[in-house]
Amino acid sequence: MWDYSRLKGRTREAGLRQEDVGSAIGLTPTTYSLKLNCKAEFKQREIERICKVLNIPFAEIPDYFFTPMV
């Protein structure tokens, strides 16, 4: 399982809600929530789109999407 707490924090810092990010990348709020709660996996294209929406440098993708849950 992956820890998405940093991604959630970045969303809040950007003044957005999870629903806003999900909608911006073409996902329903439910689907985006499932992915953030490790019930479904993010696709590569979704990760790229989230990075663009939240201004996350591609070099930092592992920090936001591939940090193991402790």
PDB file of N, CA and C in Angstrom:
ATOM      1  N   MET A   1       0.837  -1.180   0.000  1.00  0.00           N
ATOM      2  CA  MET A   1       0.000   0.000   0.000  1.00  0.00           C
ATOM      3  C   MET A   1       0.884   1.246   0.000  1.00  0.00           C
ATOM      4  N   TRP A   2       0.384   2.279  -0.659  1.00  0.00           N
ATOM      5  CA  TRP A   2       1.132   3.526  -0.755  1.00  0.00           C
ATOM      6  C   TRP A   2       0.539   4.589   0.163  1.00  0.00           C
ATOM      7  N   ASP A   3       1.413   5.452   0.649  1.00  0.00           N
ATOM      8  CA  ASP A   3       1.022   6.549   1.533  1.00  0.00           C
ATOM      9  C   ASP A   3       0.809   7.805   0.686  1.00  0.00           C
ATOM     10  N   TYR A   4      -0.435   8.235   0.569  1.00  0.00           N
ATOM     11  CA  TYR A   4      -0.746   9.416  -0.245  1.00  0.00           C
ATOM     12  C   TYR A   4      -0.947  10.677   0.603  1.00  0.00           C
ATOM     13  N   SER A   5      -0.473  10.679   1.845  1.00  0.00           N
ATOM     14  CA  SER A   5      -0.669  11.837   2.710  1.00  0.00           C
ATOM     15  C   SER A   5       0.014  13.088   2.152  1.00  0.00           C
ATOM     16  N   ARG A   6       1.171  12.927   1.545  1.00  0.00           N
ATOM     17  CA  ARG A   6       1.851  14.093   0.961  1.00  0.00           C
ATOM     18  C   ARG A   6       1.043  14.643  -0.223  1.00  0.00           C
ATOM     19  N   LEU A   7       0.468  13.771  -1.014  1.00  0.00           N
ATOM     20  CA  LEU A   7      -0.370  14.192  -2.136  1.00  0.00           C
ATOM     21  C   LEU A   7      -1.609  14.928  -1.629  1.00  0.00           C
ATOM     22  N   LYS A   8      -2.217  14.414  -0.581  1.00  0.00           N
ATOM     23  CA  LYS A   8      -3.387  15.068  -0.001  1.00  0.00           C
ATOM     24  C   LYS A   8      -3.013  16.444   0.549  1.00  0.00           C
ATOM     25  N   GLY A   9      -1.838  16.539   1.170  1.00  0.00           N
ATOM     26  CA  GLY A   9      -1.369  17.823   1.685  1.00  0.00           C
ATOM     27  C   GLY A   9      -1.123  18.825   0.575  1.00  0.00           C
ATOM     28  N   ARG A  10      -0.545  18.361  -0.509  1.00  0.00           N
ATOM     29  CA  ARG A  10      -0.289  19.243  -1.663  1.00  0.00           C
ATOM     30  C   ARG A  10      -1.604  19.764  -2.233  1.00  0.00           C
ATOM     31  N   THR A  11      -2.616  18.915  -2.234  1.00  0.00           N
ATOM     32  CA  THR A  11      -3.936  19.311  -2.712  1.00  0.00           C
ATOM     33  C   THR A  11      -4.486  20.455  -1.853  1.00  0.00           C
ATOM     34  N   ARG A  12      -4.394  20.308  -0.536  1.00  0.00           N
ATOM     35  CA  ARG A  12      -4.865  21.362   0.375  1.00  0.00           C
ATOM     36  C   ARG A  12      -4.054  22.649   0.202  1.00  0.00           C
ATOM     37  N   GLU A  13      -2.731  22.519   0.062  1.00  0.00           N
ATOM     38  CA  GLU A  13      -1.867  23.684  -0.131  1.00  0.00           C
ATOM     39  C   GLU A  13      -2.248  24.458  -1.390  1.00  0.00           C
ATOM     40  N   ALA A  14      -2.708  23.738  -2.399  1.00  0.00           N
ATOM     41  CA  ALA A  14      -3.108  24.364  -3.658  1.00  0.00           C
ATOM     42  C   ALA A  14      -4.492  24.993  -3.557  1.00  0.00           C
ATOM     43  N   GLY A  15      -5.146  24.834  -2.406  1.00  0.00           N
ATOM     44  CA  GLY A  15      -6.489  25.387  -2.208  1.00  0.00           C
ATOM     45  C   GLY A  15      -7.563  24.609  -2.935  1.00  0.00           C
ATOM     46  N   LEU A  16      -7.281  23.324  -3.190  1.00  0.00           N
ATOM     47  CA  LEU A  16      -8.221  22.473  -3.916  1.00  0.00           C
ATOM     48  C   LEU A  16      -8.757  21.384  -2.998  1.00  0.00           C
ATOM     49  N   ARG A  17      -9.870  20.809  -3.423  1.00  0.00           N
ATOM     50  CA  ARG A  17     -10.438  19.648  -2.752  1.00  0.00           C
ATOM     51  C   ARG A  17     -10.097  18.415  -3.580  1.00  0.00           C
ATOM     52  N   GLN A  18     -10.203  17.253  -2.972  1.00  0.00           N
ATOM     53  CA  GLN A  18      -9.957  16.018  -3.713  1.00  0.00           C
ATOM     54  C   GLN A  18     -10.871  15.933  -4.928  1.00  0.00           C
ATOM     55  N   GLU A  19     -12.119  16.376  -4.762  1.00  0.00           N
ATOM     56  CA  GLU A  19     -13.074  16.348  -5.867  1.00  0.00           C
ATOM     57  C   GLU A  19     -12.606  17.219  -7.030  1.00  0.00           C
ATOM     58  N   ASP A  20     -11.973  18.350  -6.695  1.00  0.00           N
ATOM     59  CA  ASP A  20     -11.475  19.256  -7.739  1.00  0.00           C
ATOM     60  C   ASP A  20     -10.380  18.595  -8.570  1.00  0.00           C
ATOM     61  N   VAL A  21      -9.458  17.933  -7.888  1.00  0.00           N
ATOM     62  CA  VAL A  21      -8.352  17.271  -8.594  1.00  0.00           C
ATOM     63  C   VAL A  21      -8.890  16.117  -9.429  1.00  0.00           C
ATOM     64  N   GLY A  22      -9.751  15.309  -8.832  1.00  0.00           N
ATOM     65  CA  GLY A  22     -10.329  14.190  -9.567  1.00  0.00           C
ATOM     66  C   GLY A  22     -11.041  14.650 -10.822  1.00  0.00           C
ATOM     67  N   SER A  23     -11.843  15.684 -10.689  1.00  0.00           N
ATOM     68  CA  SER A  23     -12.572  16.225 -11.831  1.00  0.00           C
ATOM     69  C   SER A  23     -11.619  16.762 -12.896  1.00  0.00           C
ATOM     70  N   ALA A  24     -10.554  17.436 -12.462  1.00  0.00           N
ATOM     71  CA  ALA A  24      -9.592  18.022 -13.407  1.00  0.00           C
ATOM     72  C   ALA A  24      -8.868  16.966 -14.236  1.00  0.00           C
ATOM     73  N   ILE A  25      -8.772  15.753 -13.701  1.00  0.00           N
ATOM     74  CA  ILE A  25      -8.084  14.703 -14.457  1.00  0.00           C
ATOM     75  C   ILE A  25      -9.054  13.700 -15.071  1.00  0.00           C
ATOM     76  N   GLY A  26     -10.352  13.974 -14.939  1.00  0.00           N
ATOM     77  CA  GLY A  26     -11.352  13.139 -15.605  1.00  0.00           C
ATOM     78  C   GLY A  26     -11.872  11.972 -14.797  1.00  0.00           C
ATOM     79  N   LEU A  27     -11.747  12.030 -13.457  1.00  0.00           N
ATOM     80  CA  LEU A  27     -12.262  10.960 -12.614  1.00  0.00           C
ATOM     81  C   LEU A  27     -13.444  11.460 -11.789  1.00  0.00           C
ATOM     82  N   THR A  28     -14.333  10.547 -11.460  1.00  0.00           N
ATOM     83  CA  THR A  28     -15.419  10.905 -10.554  1.00  0.00           C
ATOM     84  C   THR A  28     -14.837  11.048  -9.152  1.00  0.00           C
ATOM     85  N   PRO A  29     -15.524  11.777  -8.268  1.00  0.00           N
ATOM     86  CA  PRO A  29     -15.033  11.886  -6.892  1.00  0.00           C
ATOM     87  C   PRO A  29     -14.867  10.520  -6.221  1.00  0.00           C
ATOM     88  N   THR A  30     -15.778   9.614  -6.501  1.00  0.00           N
ATOM     89  CA  THR A  30     -15.705   8.279  -5.907  1.00  0.00           C
ATOM     90  C   THR A  30     -14.467   7.522  -6.376  1.00  0.00           C
ATOM     91  N   THR A  31     -14.202   7.559  -7.672  1.00  0.00           N
ATOM     92  CA  THR A  31     -13.044   6.853  -8.221  1.00  0.00           C
ATOM     93  C   THR A  31     -11.747   7.436  -7.679  1.00  0.00           C
ATOM     94  N   TYR A  32     -11.655   8.758  -7.620  1.00  0.00           N
ATOM     95  CA  TYR A  32     -10.443   9.393  -7.104  1.00  0.00           C
ATOM     96  C   TYR A  32     -10.249   9.027  -5.629  1.00  0.00           C
ATOM     97  N   SER A  33     -11.318   9.014  -4.867  1.00  0.00           N
ATOM     98  CA  SER A  33     -11.246   8.637  -3.453  1.00  0.00           C
ATOM     99  C   SER A  33     -10.776   7.192  -3.292  1.00  0.00           C
ATOM    100  N   LEU A  34     -11.287   6.296  -4.117  1.00  0.00           N
ATOM    101  CA  LEU A  34     -10.849   4.895  -4.066  1.00  0.00           C
ATOM    102  C   LEU A  34      -9.350   4.786  -4.299  1.00  0.00           C
ATOM    103  N   LYS A  35      -8.839   5.565  -5.217  1.00  0.00           N
ATOM    104  CA  LYS A  35      -7.404   5.523  -5.516  1.00  0.00           C
ATOM    105  C   LYS A  35      -6.582   6.085  -4.357  1.00  0.00           C
ATOM    106  N   LEU A  36      -7.049   7.174  -3.758  1.00  0.00           N
ATOM    107  CA  LEU A  36      -6.330   7.761  -2.621  1.00  0.00           C
ATOM    108  C   LEU A  36      -6.367   6.856  -1.387  1.00  0.00           C
ATOM    109  N   ASN A  37      -7.351   5.981  -1.321  1.00  0.00           N
ATOM    110  CA  ASN A  37      -7.485   5.071  -0.187  1.00  0.00           C
ATOM    111  C   ASN A  37      -6.996   3.655  -0.508  1.00  0.00           C
ATOM    112  N   CYS A  38      -6.194   3.550  -1.566  1.00  0.00           N
ATOM    113  CA  CYS A  38      -5.543   2.288  -1.957  1.00  0.00           C
ATOM    114  C   CYS A  38      -6.516   1.164  -2.284  1.00  0.00           C
ATOM    115  N   LYS A  39      -7.719   1.521  -2.744  1.00  0.00           N
ATOM    116  CA  LYS A  39      -8.699   0.521  -3.156  1.00  0.00           C
ATOM    117  C   LYS A  39      -8.643   0.303  -4.662  1.00  0.00           C
ATOM    118  N   ALA A  40      -7.919   1.182  -5.350  1.00  0.00           N
ATOM    119  CA  ALA A  40      -7.686   1.081  -6.795  1.00  0.00           C
ATOM    120  C   ALA A  40      -6.342   1.747  -7.063  1.00  0.00           C
ATOM    121  N   GLU A  41      -5.710   1.395  -8.182  1.00  0.00           N
ATOM    122  CA  GLU A  41      -4.391   1.936  -8.492  1.00  0.00           C
ATOM    123  C   GLU A  41      -4.485   3.109  -9.459  1.00  0.00           C
ATOM    124  N   PHE A  42      -3.581   4.072  -9.283  1.00  0.00           N
ATOM    125  CA  PHE A  42      -3.464   5.165 -10.235  1.00  0.00           C
ATOM    126  C   PHE A  42      -2.807   4.648 -11.509  1.00  0.00           C
ATOM    127  N   LYS A  43      -3.290   5.113 -12.647  1.00  0.00           N
ATOM    128  CA  LYS A  43      -2.665   4.806 -13.924  1.00  0.00           C
ATOM    129  C   LYS A  43      -1.594   5.863 -14.187  1.00  0.00           C
ATOM    130  N   GLN A  44      -0.640   5.513 -15.019  1.00  0.00           N
ATOM    131  CA  GLN A  44       0.461   6.428 -15.316  1.00  0.00           C
ATOM    132  C   GLN A  44      -0.050   7.770 -15.825  1.00  0.00           C
ATOM    133  N   ARG A  45      -0.992   7.754 -16.717  1.00  0.00           N
ATOM    134  CA  ARG A  45      -1.532   8.995 -17.283  1.00  0.00           C
ATOM    135  C   ARG A  45      -2.211   9.847 -16.207  1.00  0.00           C
ATOM    136  N   GLU A  46      -2.878   9.207 -15.259  1.00  0.00           N
ATOM    137  CA  GLU A  46      -3.518   9.945 -14.167  1.00  0.00           C
ATOM    138  C   GLU A  46      -2.471  10.630 -13.294  1.00  0.00           C
ATOM    139  N   ILE A  47      -1.386   9.915 -13.016  1.00  0.00           N
ATOM    140  CA  ILE A  47      -0.294  10.497 -12.225  1.00  0.00           C
ATOM    141  C   ILE A  47       0.275  11.719 -12.938  1.00  0.00           C
ATOM    142  N   GLU A  48       0.487  11.611 -14.237  1.00  0.00           N
ATOM    143  CA  GLU A  48       1.010  12.740 -15.007  1.00  0.00           C
ATOM    144  C   GLU A  48       0.064  13.937 -14.940  1.00  0.00           C
ATOM    145  N   ARG A  49      -1.224  13.686 -15.064  1.00  0.00           N
ATOM    146  CA  ARG A  49      -2.215  14.773 -15.025  1.00  0.00           C
ATOM    147  C   ARG A  49      -2.286  15.415 -13.643  1.00  0.00           C
ATOM    148  N   ILE A  50      -2.229  14.602 -12.602  1.00  0.00           N
ATOM    149  CA  ILE A  50      -2.243  15.143 -11.238  1.00  0.00           C
ATOM    150  C   ILE A  50      -1.024  16.044 -11.025  1.00  0.00           C
ATOM    151  N   CYS A  51       0.116  15.608 -11.508  1.00  0.00           N
ATOM    152  CA  CYS A  51       1.332  16.414 -11.371  1.00  0.00           C
ATOM    153  C   CYS A  51       1.179  17.771 -12.051  1.00  0.00           C
ATOM    154  N   LYS A  52       0.536  17.793 -13.176  1.00  0.00           N
ATOM    155  CA  LYS A  52       0.318  19.063 -13.871  1.00  0.00           C
ATOM    156  C   LYS A  52      -0.653  19.949 -13.099  1.00  0.00           C
ATOM    157  N   VAL A  53      -1.735  19.377 -12.589  1.00  0.00           N
ATOM    158  CA  VAL A  53      -2.734  20.141 -11.850  1.00  0.00           C
ATOM    159  C   VAL A  53      -2.137  20.724 -10.567  1.00  0.00           C
ATOM    160  N   LEU A  54      -1.311  19.939  -9.876  1.00  0.00           N
ATOM    161  CA  LEU A  54      -0.762  20.361  -8.583  1.00  0.00           C
ATOM    162  C   LEU A  54       0.669  20.901  -8.677  1.00  0.00           C
ATOM    163  N   ASN A  55       1.164  21.058  -9.894  1.00  0.00           N
ATOM    164  CA  ASN A  55       2.528  21.562 -10.109  1.00  0.00           C
ATOM    165  C   ASN A  55       3.576  20.750  -9.351  1.00  0.00           C
ATOM    166  N   ILE A  56       3.473  19.451  -9.466  1.00  0.00           N
ATOM    167  CA  ILE A  56       4.448  18.546  -8.861  1.00  0.00           C
ATOM    168  C   ILE A  56       5.474  18.202  -9.940  1.00  0.00           C
ATOM    169  N   PRO A  57       6.750  18.494  -9.698  1.00  0.00           N
ATOM    170  CA  PRO A  57       7.771  18.123 -10.689  1.00  0.00           C
ATOM    171  C   PRO A  57       7.804  16.605 -10.885  1.00  0.00           C
ATOM    172  N   PHE A  58       7.988  16.180 -12.123  1.00  0.00           N
ATOM    173  CA  PHE A  58       8.007  14.748 -12.405  1.00  0.00           C
ATOM    174  C   PHE A  58       9.077  14.024 -11.593  1.00  0.00           C
ATOM    175  N   ALA A  59      10.170  14.692 -11.267  1.00  0.00           N
ATOM    176  CA  ALA A  59      11.239  14.078 -10.469  1.00  0.00           C
ATOM    177  C   ALA A  59      10.771  13.738  -9.056  1.00  0.00           C
ATOM    178  N   GLU A  60       9.685  14.368  -8.599  1.00  0.00           N
ATOM    179  CA  GLU A  60       9.173  14.124  -7.248  1.00  0.00           C
ATOM    180  C   GLU A  60       8.020  13.117  -7.219  1.00  0.00           C
ATOM    181  N   ILE A  61       7.696  12.511  -8.340  1.00  0.00           N
ATOM    182  CA  ILE A  61       6.607  11.528  -8.399  1.00  0.00           C
ATOM    183  C   ILE A  61       6.768  10.428  -7.343  1.00  0.00           C
ATOM    184  N   PRO A  62       7.963   9.859  -7.171  1.00  0.00           N
ATOM    185  CA  PRO A  62       8.079   8.805  -6.143  1.00  0.00           C
ATOM    186  C   PRO A  62       7.696   9.277  -4.734  1.00  0.00           C
ATOM    187  N   ASP A  63       7.993  10.528  -4.418  1.00  0.00           N
ATOM    188  CA  ASP A  63       7.665  11.061  -3.088  1.00  0.00           C
ATOM    189  C   ASP A  63       6.160  11.146  -2.854  1.00  0.00           C
ATOM    190  N   TYR A  64       5.408  11.397  -3.899  1.00  0.00           N
ATOM    191  CA  TYR A  64       3.967  11.596  -3.782  1.00  0.00           C
ATOM    192  C   TYR A  64       3.156  10.326  -4.048  1.00  0.00           C
ATOM    193  N   PHE A  65       3.691   9.428  -4.870  1.00  0.00           N
ATOM    194  CA  PHE A  65       2.891   8.288  -5.303  1.00  0.00           C
ATOM    195  C   PHE A  65       3.450   6.910  -4.911  1.00  0.00           C
ATOM    196  N   PHE A  66       4.709   6.844  -4.518  1.00  0.00           N
ATOM    197  CA  PHE A  66       5.311   5.532  -4.269  1.00  0.00           C
ATOM    198  C   PHE A  66       6.053   5.450  -2.936  1.00  0.00           C
ATOM    199  N   THR A  67       5.535   6.148  -1.932  1.00  0.00           N
ATOM    200  CA  THR A  67       6.074   6.036  -0.579  1.00  0.00           C
ATOM    201  C   THR A  67       5.268   4.953   0.132  1.00  0.00           C
ATOM    202  N   PRO A  68       5.929   3.918   0.604  1.00  0.00           N
ATOM    203  CA  PRO A  68       5.189   2.839   1.273  1.00  0.00           C
ATOM    204  C   PRO A  68       4.510   3.310   2.546  1.00  0.00           C
ATOM    205  N   MET A  69       3.353   2.750   2.813  1.00  0.00           N
ATOM    206  CA  MET A  69       2.611   3.014   4.045  1.00  0.00           C
ATOM    207  C   MET A  69       3.364   2.342   5.187  1.00  0.00           C
ATOM    208  N   VAL A  70       3.553   3.079   6.260  1.00  0.00           N
ATOM    209  CA  VAL A  70       4.279   2.525   7.413  1.00  0.00           C
ATOM    210  C   VAL A  70       3.315   2.182   8.517  1.00  0.00           C
TER     211      VAL A  70
END
